[in-house]
C-alpha atoms as a PDB file:
ATOM      1  CA  MET A   1      -0.127  -0.059  -0.276  1.00  0.00           C
ATOM      2  CA  ARG A   2       2.551   2.553  -0.961  1.00  0.00           C
ATOM      3  CA  ALA A   3       0.835   3.635  -4.328  1.00  0.00           C
ATOM      4  CA  VAL A   4       1.155   7.455  -4.960  1.00  0.00           C
ATOM      5  CA  THR A   5      -1.036   9.240  -7.657  1.00  0.00           C
ATOM      6  CA  VAL A   6      -1.048  13.060  -8.276  1.00  0.00           C
ATOM      7  CA  ASP A   7      -3.456  15.375  -9.874  1.00  0.00           C
ATOM      8  CA  PRO A   8      -1.371  18.491 -11.243  1.00  0.00           C
ATOM      9  CA  GLU A   9      -4.033  20.669 -12.163  1.00  0.00           C
ATOM     10  CA  ALA A  10      -5.938  20.284  -8.973  1.00  0.00           C
ATOM     11  CA  LYS A  11      -2.550  20.326  -7.367  1.00  0.00           C
ATOM     12  CA  THR A  12      -3.412  17.608  -4.984  1.00  0.00           C
ATOM     13  CA  VAL A  13      -1.583  13.896  -3.734  1.00  0.00           C
ATOM     14  CA  THR A  14      -3.156  10.973  -2.684  1.00  0.00           C
ATOM     15  CA  ALA A  15      -0.996   8.560  -0.885  1.00  0.00           C
ATOM     16  CA  GLN A  16      -1.915   4.873   0.249  1.00  0.00           C
ATOM     17  CA  GLY A  17      -1.483   4.451   3.972  1.00  0.00           C
ATOM     18  CA  GLY A  18       1.800   2.270   3.959  1.00  0.00           C
ATOM     19  CA  CYS A  19       3.887   5.210   2.244  1.00  0.00           C
ATOM     20  CA  ILE A  20       6.765   6.774   3.543  1.00  0.00           C
ATOM     21  CA  TRP A  21       7.238  10.586   2.945  1.00  0.00           C
ATOM     22  CA  GLU A  22       9.784   9.196   0.077  1.00  0.00           C
ATOM     23  CA  ASP A  23       7.260   8.085  -1.933  1.00  0.00           C
ATOM     24  CA  VAL A  24       5.221  10.847  -1.646  1.00  0.00           C
ATOM     25  CA  ASP A  25       8.101  13.130  -2.065  1.00  0.00           C
ATOM     26  CA  ALA A  26       9.538  11.361  -5.232  1.00  0.00           C
ATOM     27  CA  THR A  27       6.158  11.164  -6.866  1.00  0.00           C
ATOM     28  CA  ALA A  28       5.353  14.702  -6.539  1.00  0.00           C
ATOM     29  CA  GLY A  29       8.591  15.729  -7.492  1.00  0.00           C
ATOM     30  CA  THR A  30       8.262  14.750 -11.026  1.00  0.00           C
ATOM     31  CA  TYR A  31       5.458  17.270 -11.312  1.00  0.00           C
ATOM     32  CA  GLY A  32       6.721  20.372  -9.456  1.00  0.00           C
ATOM     33  CA  LEU A  33       4.921  19.806  -6.392  1.00  0.00           C
ATOM     34  CA  VAL A  34       5.439  19.370  -2.610  1.00  0.00           C
ATOM     35  CA  THR A  35       3.089  18.848   0.451  1.00  0.00           C
ATOM     36  CA  VAL A  36       4.147  19.268   4.105  1.00  0.00           C
ATOM     37  CA  GLY A  37       6.047  16.313   4.900  1.00  0.00           C
ATOM     38  CA  GLY A  38       8.181  15.184   8.144  1.00  0.00           C
ATOM     39  CA  THR A  39      11.982  16.173   8.562  1.00  0.00           C
ATOM     40  CA  VAL A  40      13.247  12.680   7.574  1.00  0.00           C
ATOM     41  CA  LYS A  41      12.086  10.730   4.354  1.00  0.00           C
ATOM     42  CA  HIS A  42      11.552   7.386   5.908  1.00  0.00           C
ATOM     43  CA  THR A  43       8.889   8.399   8.292  1.00  0.00           C
ATOM     44  CA  GLY A  44       5.289   6.448   7.519  1.00  0.00           C
ATOM     45  CA  ILE A  45       2.844   9.466   6.062  1.00  0.00           C
ATOM     46  CA  GLY A  46       0.162   7.784   8.572  1.00  0.00           C
ATOM     47  CA  GLY A  47       1.340   8.480  12.218  1.00  0.00           C
ATOM     48  CA  LEU A  48       2.789  11.639  11.604  1.00  0.00           C
ATOM     49  CA  THR A  49      -0.584  13.380   9.192  1.00  0.00           C
ATOM     50  CA  LEU A  50      -2.797  12.111  11.593  1.00  0.00           C
ATOM     51  CA  GLY A  51      -1.002  13.289  15.071  1.00  0.00           C
ATOM     52  CA  GLY A  52      -0.118  16.893  13.142  1.00  0.00           C
ATOM     53  CA  GLY A  53       2.683  17.305  11.323  1.00  0.00           C
ATOM     54  CA  TYR A  54       5.843  19.417  11.596  1.00  0.00           C
ATOM     55  CA  GLY A  55       8.031  19.739   8.333  1.00  0.00           C
ATOM     56  CA  TRP A  56      10.676  21.510   6.473  1.00  0.00           C
ATOM     57  CA  LEU A  57       7.680  23.469   4.565  1.00  0.00           C
ATOM     58  CA  SER A  58       6.008  24.290   7.994  1.00  0.00           C
ATOM     59  CA  GLY A  59       6.979  28.004   8.210  1.00  0.00           C
ATOM     60  CA  GLN A  60       5.506  28.503   4.556  1.00  0.00           C
ATOM     61  CA  TYR A  61       2.273  26.509   4.580  1.00  0.00           C
ATOM     62  CA  GLY A  62       1.444  25.400   8.230  1.00  0.00           C
ATOM     63  CA  LEU A  63       1.216  22.048   9.346  1.00  0.00           C
ATOM     64  CA  THR A  64       0.814  18.424   7.631  1.00  0.00           C
ATOM     65  CA  ILE A  65      -3.047  18.295   8.772  1.00  0.00           C
ATOM     66  CA  ASP A  66      -3.464  21.719   7.177  1.00  0.00           C
ATOM     67  CA  GLN A  67      -2.437  20.430   3.704  1.00  0.00           C
ATOM     68  CA  LEU A  68      -5.162  17.509   4.431  1.00  0.00           C
ATOM     69  CA  LEU A  69      -8.060  17.411   2.195  1.00  0.00           C
ATOM     70  CA  SER A  70      -9.621  13.963   2.916  1.00  0.00           C
ATOM     71  CA  VAL A  71      -8.971  10.574   4.268  1.00  0.00           C
ATOM     72  CA  GLU A  72     -10.339   7.285   3.418  1.00  0.00           C
ATOM     73  CA  MET A  73     -10.898   5.531   7.003  1.00  0.00           C
ATOM     74  CA  VAL A  74     -11.921   2.101   7.775  1.00  0.00           C
ATOM     75  CA  LEU A  75     -14.119   2.448  11.318  1.00  0.00           C
ATOM     76  CA  ALA A  76     -14.407  -0.273  13.810  1.00  0.00           C
ATOM     77  CA  ASN A  77     -17.247  -1.684  12.588  1.00  0.00           C
ATOM     78  CA  GLY A  78     -15.884  -2.456   9.025  1.00  0.00           C
ATOM     79  CA  GLN A  79     -17.309   0.485   7.627  1.00  0.00           C
ATOM     80  CA  ILE A  80     -15.045   2.273   4.639  1.00  0.00           C
ATOM     81  CA  ILE A  81     -16.346   6.065   4.321  1.00  0.00           C
ATOM     82  CA  THR A  82     -14.230   9.143   3.313  1.00  0.00           C
ATOM     83  CA  THR A  83     -14.257  12.160   5.494  1.00  0.00           C
ATOM     84  CA  SER A  84     -13.699  15.571   4.864  1.00  0.00           C
ATOM     85  CA  ALA A  85     -14.351  19.155   5.368  1.00  0.00           C
ATOM     86  CA  SER A  86     -17.696  18.438   3.438  1.00  0.00           C
ATOM     87  CA  GLU A  87     -18.287  14.755   4.267  1.00  0.00           C
ATOM     88  CA  LYS A  88     -18.260  13.886   7.870  1.00  0.00           C
ATOM     89  CA  PRO A  89     -17.230  16.891   9.138  1.00  0.00           C
ATOM     90  CA  ASP A  90     -16.934  16.073  12.829  1.00  0.00           C
ATOM     91  CA  LEU A  91     -14.744  12.908  12.182  1.00  0.00           C
ATOM     92  CA  PHE A  92     -12.544  15.218   9.846  1.00  0.00           C
ATOM     93  CA  TRP A  93     -12.217  17.397  12.936  1.00  0.00           C
ATOM     94  CA  ALA A  94     -11.059  14.748  15.251  1.00  0.00           C
ATOM     95  CA  ILE A  95      -8.474  12.827  12.621  1.00  0.00           C
ATOM     96  CA  ARG A  96      -6.535  16.012  11.957  1.00  0.00           C
ATOM     97  CA  GLY A  97      -4.296  15.512  15.421  1.00  0.00           C
ATOM     98  CA  ALA A  98      -6.022  12.575  17.552  1.00  0.00           C
ATOM     99  CA  GLY A  99      -6.935  10.338  14.228  1.00  0.00           C
ATOM    100  CA  GLN A 100      -5.151   7.355  15.392  1.00  0.00           C
ATOM    101  CA  SER A 101      -8.263   6.822  17.784  1.00  0.00           C
ATOM    102  CA  PHE A 102     -10.777   6.971  15.100  1.00  0.00           C
ATOM    103  CA  GLY A 103      -9.979   4.125  12.461  1.00  0.00           C
ATOM    104  CA  VAL A 104      -7.556   2.489  10.295  1.00  0.00           C
ATOM    105  CA  ALA A 105      -6.473   5.122   7.287  1.00  0.00           C
ATOM    106  CA  PRO A 106      -5.666   3.206   3.780  1.00  0.00           C
ATOM    107  CA  SER A 107      -5.489   6.533   2.125  1.00  0.00           C
ATOM    108  CA  PHE A 108      -4.914  10.321   2.576  1.00  0.00           C
ATOM    109  CA  THR A 109      -5.489  13.295   0.191  1.00  0.00           C
ATOM    110  CA  PHE A 110      -3.284  16.359   0.627  1.00  0.00           C
ATOM    111  CA  ARG A 111      -3.014  19.928  -0.854  1.00  0.00           C
ATOM    112  CA  ALA A 112       0.130  20.168  -2.690  1.00  0.00           C
ATOM    113  CA  HIS A 113       2.136  23.470  -3.548  1.00  0.00           C
ATOM    114  CA  GLU A 114       4.256  24.324  -6.547  1.00  0.00           C
ATOM    115  CA  GLN A 115       8.125  23.992  -5.877  1.00  0.00           C
ATOM    116  CA  LYS A 116       9.856  23.848  -8.919  1.00  0.00           C
ATOM    117  CA  ASP A 117      12.993  25.697  -8.154  1.00  0.00           C
ATOM    118  CA  PRO A 118      16.012  24.387  -5.638  1.00  0.00           C
ATOM    119  CA  VAL A 119      16.169  25.351  -2.258  1.00  0.00           C
ATOM    120  CA  PHE A 120      18.998  26.667  -0.202  1.00  0.00           C
ATOM    121  CA  ALA A 121      19.661  24.059   2.293  1.00  0.00           C
ATOM    122  CA  SER A 122      21.565  21.542   4.414  1.00  0.00           C
ATOM    123  CA  THR A 123      23.815  21.430   7.376  1.00  0.00           C
ATOM    124  CA  MET A 124      26.258  23.652   9.025  1.00  0.00           C
ATOM    125  CA  THR A 125      28.058  22.089  12.143  1.00  0.00           C
ATOM    126  CA  PHE A 126      29.681  24.456  14.902  1.00  0.00           C
ATOM    127  CA  THR A 127      32.144  24.106  18.250  1.00  0.00           C
ATOM    128  CA  PRO A 128      30.639  24.553  21.261  1.00  0.00           C
ATOM    129  CA  ASP A 129      31.519  27.823  22.069  1.00  0.00           C
ATOM    130  CA  LYS A 130      29.547  29.146  19.048  1.00  0.00           C
ATOM    131  CA  ILE A 131      26.235  27.952  20.829  1.00  0.00           C
ATOM    132  CA  PRO A 132      25.745  31.551  22.392  1.00  0.00           C
ATOM    133  CA  ALA A 133      25.862  33.501  19.169  1.00  0.00           C
ATOM    134  CA  ALA A 134      23.749  30.733  17.140  1.00  0.00           C
ATOM    135  CA  VAL A 135      21.214  30.722  19.716  1.00  0.00           C
ATOM    136  CA  ALA A 136      21.161  34.985  19.572  1.00  0.00           C
ATOM    137  CA  LEU A 137      20.515  34.383  15.921  1.00  0.00           C
ATOM    138  CA  ALA A 138      17.697  31.851  16.371  1.00  0.00           C
ATOM    139  CA  ASN A 139      15.909  33.787  18.917  1.00  0.00           C
ATOM    140  CA  ARG A 140      15.526  36.815  16.075  1.00  0.00           C
ATOM    141  CA  ARG A 141      12.534  36.886  14.516  1.00  0.00           C
ATOM    142  CA  SER A 142      13.010  36.432  10.688  1.00  0.00           C
ATOM    143  CA  SER A 143      11.500  39.693   9.834  1.00  0.00           C
ATOM    144  CA  GLU A 144      14.654  41.355  11.945  1.00  0.00           C
ATOM    145  CA  ALA A 145      17.233  39.055   9.781  1.00  0.00           C
ATOM    146  CA  GLU A 146      16.953  40.414   6.206  1.00  0.00           C
ATOM    147  CA  ALA A 147      20.660  38.496   5.660  1.00  0.00           C
ATOM    148  CA  PHE A 148      19.409  36.167   7.829  1.00  0.00           C
ATOM    149  CA  PHE A 149      22.109  33.371   7.143  1.00  0.00           C
ATOM    150  CA  ASN A 150      25.359  35.676   7.147  1.00  0.00           C
ATOM    151  CA  PRO A 151      25.535  35.613  10.606  1.00  0.00           C
ATOM    152  CA  LEU A 152      25.624  31.701  10.633  1.00  0.00           C
ATOM    153  CA  PHE A 153      28.555  31.987   7.990  1.00  0.00           C
ATOM    154  CA  ASP A 154      30.254  34.481  10.420  1.00  0.00           C
ATOM    155  CA  LEU A 155      30.800  32.044  13.053  1.00  0.00           C
ATOM    156  CA  GLU A 156      32.791  29.924  10.797  1.00  0.00           C
ATOM    157  CA  PRO A 157      31.352  26.305  10.890  1.00  0.00           C
ATOM    158  CA  VAL A 158      33.683  23.344  11.002  1.00  0.00           C
ATOM    159  CA  MET A 159      31.620  21.748   8.525  1.00  0.00           C
ATOM    160  CA  ASN A 160      29.241  23.423   5.881  1.00  0.00           C
ATOM    161  CA  THR A 161      27.206  21.486   3.095  1.00  0.00           C
ATOM    162  CA  THR A 162      24.719  24.064   2.150  1.00  0.00           C
ATOM    163  CA  ALA A 163      23.924  24.586  -1.465  1.00  0.00           C
ATOM    164  CA  MET A 164      20.840  24.575  -3.646  1.00  0.00           C
ATOM    165  CA  ILE A 165      19.352  21.427  -3.409  1.00  0.00           C
ATOM    166  CA  THR A 166      15.851  19.598  -4.002  1.00  0.00           C
ATOM    167  CA  TYR A 167      13.351  19.319  -1.743  1.00  0.00           C
ATOM    168  CA  PRO A 168      13.341  15.198  -1.990  1.00  0.00           C
ATOM    169  CA  ARG A 169      17.428  15.666  -0.892  1.00  0.00           C
ATOM    170  CA  LEU A 170      16.238  18.237   1.845  1.00  0.00           C
ATOM    171  CA  ASN A 171      13.986  15.935   3.357  1.00  0.00           C
ATOM    172  CA  ALA A 172      16.486  13.142   3.612  1.00  0.00           C
ATOM    173  CA  MET A 173      19.087  15.734   5.196  1.00  0.00           C
ATOM    174  CA  LEU A 174      18.389  14.527   8.378  1.00  0.00           C
ATOM    175  CA  ASN A 175      18.075  10.734   7.704  1.00  0.00           C
ATOM    176  CA  PRO A 176      21.710   9.743   9.343  1.00  0.00           C
ATOM    177  CA  VAL A 177      20.247  10.776  13.144  1.00  0.00           C
ATOM    178  CA  ALA A 178      17.287   9.313  12.758  1.00  0.00           C
ATOM    179  CA  GLY A 179      18.111   5.986  11.136  1.00  0.00           C
ATOM    180  CA  PRO A 180      16.745   2.338  11.866  1.00  0.00           C
ATOM    181  CA  GLY A 181      18.080  -0.100  14.489  1.00  0.00           C
ATOM    182  CA  GLY A 182      19.334   0.094  17.972  1.00  0.00           C
ATOM    183  CA  ARG A 183      17.001   0.439  21.086  1.00  0.00           C
ATOM    184  CA  LYS A 184      15.213   3.794  21.031  1.00  0.00           C
ATOM    185  CA  PHE A 185      13.019   6.566  23.386  1.00  0.00           C
ATOM    186  CA  THR A 186      11.815   9.972  22.752  1.00  0.00           C
ATOM    187  CA  LYS A 187      10.418  12.783  25.172  1.00  0.00           C
ATOM    188  CA  GLY A 188       9.409  15.808  23.914  1.00  0.00           C
ATOM    189  CA  ALA A 189       8.787  19.272  25.511  1.00  0.00           C
ATOM    190  CA  SER A 190       8.543  22.862  24.162  1.00  0.00           C
ATOM    191  CA  PHE A 191      10.076  26.270  24.904  1.00  0.00           C
ATOM    192  CA  ILE A 192       9.279  29.932  24.198  1.00  0.00           C
ATOM    193  CA  PRO A 193      11.654  31.951  22.467  1.00  0.00           C
ATOM    194  CA  PRO A 194      14.390  33.914  23.578  1.00  0.00           C
ATOM    195  CA  VAL A 195      15.676  31.294  25.540  1.00  0.00           C
ATOM    196  CA  ARG A 196      19.187  32.032  27.433  1.00  0.00           C
ATOM    197  CA  ALA A 197      22.507  31.056  25.612  1.00  0.00           C
ATOM    198  CA  ASP A 198      23.917  29.910  28.744  1.00  0.00           C
ATOM    199  CA  PHE A 199      21.224  27.500  29.395  1.00  0.00           C
ATOM    200  CA  MET A 200      21.359  26.235  25.744  1.00  0.00           C
ATOM    201  CA  LEU A 201      25.346  25.552  26.816  1.00  0.00           C
ATOM    202  CA  SER A 202      23.956  23.606  29.815  1.00  0.00           C
ATOM    203  CA  LEU A 203      21.925  21.779  27.950  1.00  0.00           C
ATOM    204  CA  PHE A 204      24.719  20.887  25.415  1.00  0.00           C
ATOM    205  CA  ASP A 205      26.915  19.857  28.727  1.00  0.00           C
ATOM    206  CA  ASN A 206      24.175  17.471  30.147  1.00  0.00           C
ATOM    207  CA  PHE A 207      24.393  15.839  26.666  1.00  0.00           C
ATOM    208  CA  THR A 208      27.678  15.218  26.286  1.00  0.00           C
ATOM    209  CA  GLY A 209      28.165  13.931  29.795  1.00  0.00           C
ATOM    210  CA  PHE A 210      25.142  11.596  29.216  1.00  0.00           C
ATOM    211  CA  VAL A 211      27.142  10.543  26.290  1.00  0.00           C
ATOM    212  CA  ARG A 212      30.512  10.374  28.152  1.00  0.00           C
ATOM    213  CA  GLU A 213      28.702   8.199  30.964  1.00  0.00           C
ATOM    214  CA  VAL A 214      26.750   5.890  28.543  1.00  0.00           C
ATOM    215  CA  PRO A 215      29.092   5.341  25.449  1.00  0.00           C
ATOM    216  CA  ASP A 216      26.535   2.734  24.275  1.00  0.00           C
ATOM    217  CA  ALA A 217      24.310   5.932  23.555  1.00  0.00           C
ATOM    218  CA  SER A 218      26.778   7.476  21.344  1.00  0.00           C
ATOM    219  CA  GLY A 219      24.161   7.905  18.628  1.00  0.00           C
ATOM    220  CA  SER A 220      21.387   9.681  20.654  1.00  0.00           C
ATOM    221  CA  LEU A 221      20.215  12.811  19.738  1.00  0.00           C
ATOM    222  CA  LEU A 222      19.076  16.441  21.426  1.00  0.00           C
ATOM    223  CA  LEU A 223      17.055  18.041  18.955  1.00  0.00           C
ATOM    224  CA  VAL A 224      15.915  21.683  19.560  1.00  0.00           C
ATOM    225  CA  GLU A 225      14.025  23.316  16.807  1.00  0.00           C
ATOM    226  CA  PHE A 226      13.508  27.173  16.167  1.00  0.00           C
ATOM    227  CA  PHE A 227      11.490  27.821  13.465  1.00  0.00           C
ATOM    228  CA  ASN A 228       8.579  30.461  12.103  1.00  0.00           C
ATOM    229  CA  GLN A 229       5.158  29.757  13.883  1.00  0.00           C
ATOM    230  CA  ASP A 230       3.200  32.174  12.041  1.00  0.00           C
ATOM    231  CA  LYS A 231       1.586  30.408   9.229  1.00  0.00           C
ATOM    232  CA  ILE A 232       0.680  27.498  11.918  1.00  0.00           C
ATOM    233  CA  CYS A 233      -0.814  30.071  14.205  1.00  0.00           C
ATOM    234  CA  GLN A 234      -3.099  31.446  11.807  1.00  0.00           C
ATOM    235  CA  THR A 235      -5.583  28.214  12.042  1.00  0.00           C
ATOM    236  CA  SER A 236      -6.922  28.640  15.549  1.00  0.00           C
ATOM    237  CA  ASN A 237      -6.414  25.387  18.124  1.00  0.00           C
ATOM    238  CA  ARG A 238     -10.045  24.994  17.812  1.00  0.00           C
ATOM    239  CA  ALA A 239     -10.261  24.496  14.238  1.00  0.00           C
ATOM    240  CA  THR A 240      -8.904  20.607  14.630  1.00  0.00           C
ATOM    241  CA  ALA A 241      -8.076  18.054  17.481  1.00  0.00           C
ATOM    242  CA  PHE A 242      -4.499  19.363  17.400  1.00  0.00           C
ATOM    243  CA  ALA A 243      -4.462  21.760  20.049  1.00  0.00           C
ATOM    244  CA  TYR A 244      -0.456  22.809  20.319  1.00  0.00           C
ATOM    245  CA  ARG A 245      -0.717  26.018  18.076  1.00  0.00           C
ATOM    246  CA  ASP A 246       1.508  28.695  19.677  1.00  0.00           C
ATOM    247  CA  PHE A 247       4.338  30.702  19.239  1.00  0.00           C
ATOM    248  CA  TYR A 248       6.889  27.725  20.639  1.00  0.00           C
ATOM    249  CA  GLY A 249       9.764  25.622  19.570  1.00  0.00           C
ATOM    250  CA  ASN A 250      10.078  21.917  20.139  1.00  0.00           C
ATOM    251  CA  VAL A 251      12.688  20.196  21.882  1.00  0.00           C
ATOM    252  CA  MET A 252      13.249  16.223  21.421  1.00  0.00           C
ATOM    253  CA  ALA A 253      15.371  14.068  23.347  1.00  0.00           C
ATOM    254  CA  GLY A 254      16.086  10.698  21.707  1.00  0.00           C
ATOM    255  CA  PRO A 255      18.636   8.414  23.493  1.00  0.00           C
ATOM    256  CA  LYS A 256      19.544   5.562  21.226  1.00  0.00           C
ATOM    257  CA  TRP A 257      21.494   2.588  22.478  1.00  0.00           C
ATOM    258  CA  HIS A 258      21.928  -1.024  22.007  1.00  0.00           C
ATOM    259  CA  ASP A 259      22.434  -2.403  25.313  1.00  0.00           C
ATOM    260  CA  GLU A 260      19.559  -3.856  27.221  1.00  0.00           C
ATOM    261  CA  ALA A 261      21.394  -3.017  30.453  1.00  0.00           C
ATOM    262  CA  ASN A 262      21.395   0.947  29.627  1.00  0.00           C
ATOM    263  CA  ASP A 263      17.503   1.062  29.036  1.00  0.00           C
ATOM    264  CA  GLY A 264      16.476   2.475  32.465  1.00  0.00           C
ATOM    265  CA  ARG A 265      19.588   5.013  32.328  1.00  0.00           C
ATOM    266  CA  CYS A 266      18.887   6.166  28.963  1.00  0.00           C
ATOM    267  CA  ARG A 267      15.434   6.627  29.253  1.00  0.00           C
ATOM    268  CA  GLN A 268      16.133   8.401  32.556  1.00  0.00           C
ATOM    269  CA  TRP A 269      18.220  10.870  30.797  1.00  0.00           C
ATOM    270  CA  ALA A 270      15.349  11.796  28.302  1.00  0.00           C
ATOM    271  CA  ARG A 271      13.258  12.434  31.084  1.00  0.00           C
ATOM    272  CA  ASP A 272      15.642  14.895  33.037  1.00  0.00           C
ATOM    273  CA  VAL A 273      16.645  16.786  30.489  1.00  0.00           C
ATOM    274  CA  THR A 274      12.970  17.377  29.366  1.00  0.00           C
ATOM    275  CA  ASP A 275      12.371  18.466  33.145  1.00  0.00           C
ATOM    276  CA  LEU A 276      15.074  20.944  33.071  1.00  0.00           C
ATOM    277  CA  LEU A 277      13.683  22.594  30.147  1.00  0.00           C
ATOM    278  CA  ARG A 278      10.394  22.732  31.622  1.00  0.00           C
ATOM    279  CA  ARG A 279      11.798  24.362  35.102  1.00  0.00           C
ATOM    280  CA  GLU A 280      13.580  26.983  32.563  1.00  0.00           C
ATOM    281  CA  MET A 281      10.732  27.717  30.758  1.00  0.00           C
ATOM    282  CA  GLU A 282       8.451  27.990  34.198  1.00  0.00           C
ATOM    283  CA  ALA A 283      10.929  30.272  35.712  1.00  0.00           C
ATOM    284  CA  ALA A 284      10.942  32.871  32.569  1.00  0.00           C
ATOM    285  CA  LYS A 285       7.288  32.455  32.295  1.00  0.00           C
ATOM    286  CA  ILE A 286       7.470  34.098  35.828  1.00  0.00           C
ATOM    287  CA  ALA A 287      10.111  36.285  34.860  1.00  0.00           C
ATOM    288  CA  ARG A 288       7.831  37.552  31.838  1.00  0.00           C
ATOM    289  CA  GLN A 289       4.909  37.971  34.285  1.00  0.00           C
ATOM    290  CA  VAL A 290       6.698  40.057  36.870  1.00  0.00           C
ATOM    291  CA  LYS A 291       8.137  42.158  34.098  1.00  0.00           C
ATOM    292  CA  ALA A 292       4.917  42.999  32.000  1.00  0.00           C
ATOM    293  CA  GLY A 293       2.764  42.413  34.612  1.00  0.00           C
ATOM    294  CA  ASN A 294       0.585  39.720  33.007  1.00  0.00           C
ATOM    295  CA  GLY A 295       1.813  36.805  31.348  1.00  0.00           C
ATOM    296  CA  ARG A 296       2.127  36.049  27.705  1.00  0.00           C
ATOM    297  CA  ARG A 297      -0.111  33.015  26.815  1.00  0.00           C
ATOM    298  CA  GLY A 298       1.767  29.651  25.977  1.00  0.00           C
ATOM    299  CA  PRO A 299       2.297  26.901  28.080  1.00  0.00           C
ATOM    300  CA  VAL A 300       5.204  24.755  28.212  1.00  0.00           C
ATOM    301  CA  TRP A 301       3.972  21.421  26.934  1.00  0.00           C
ATOM    302  CA  GLU A 302       5.501  17.994  28.082  1.00  0.00           C
ATOM    303  CA  LEU A 303       4.744  15.195  25.669  1.00  0.00           C
END
């Protein structure tokens, strides 16, 4: 169940539930089209879509569920139906954010967008002493940074692979850090920019200390995502079952290890590091309330 069909006139992509995003990217790309997928190409489309779906194009087009036009569903009673904004709209509301709770989804139809030109992207790697400057740049609103990338180049990355690349290649960029195999655990949290550079340095020290303590977990990941939420927040939290639209970034603690004996330690590290973030955000929220006399809306969500 990995077939993908494209209607280039209507600019829609229909993909079967067994697809991974590589299937969608490759087929849509032959027509110069894209839709909002994940940030690695081997993610299954079903779970990411029904849970909400962040991707490289979210800053421009919103979440994956914001591109969703219809879904074929098999209900618990065996009935096969199609749900959309005009067909069974209550169910369509529910599956956009909590879709795994309502049935099996054999097919998804997404809105597609033109992407005929390559994009400027890829990775830069910096030494730890550059973390404060990188955080200062990430804390900026994009409207304040006309020449947005120049400050990153000025930090003299030790590795720089940026180039004009195709969108399918972009969506494979992080595959090496999220590959198959091993024992894995994921713990998520969120933060409201701006964040303190010294706190980010402390997270880096926490991560490197964990890997030194548990060398078996050298393939682990501590991911901090800064990206523009304006388009995502144009849709109300009440419009879908996805209730996490706000001006915050996401953090993922993702230990990866191989020895069963390290299960408890690796899982506890993920819980501990996200708890550090939660306490930092609560302290920052109190500081904002004291300074402004009222708090900015935006809870710290722990997933």
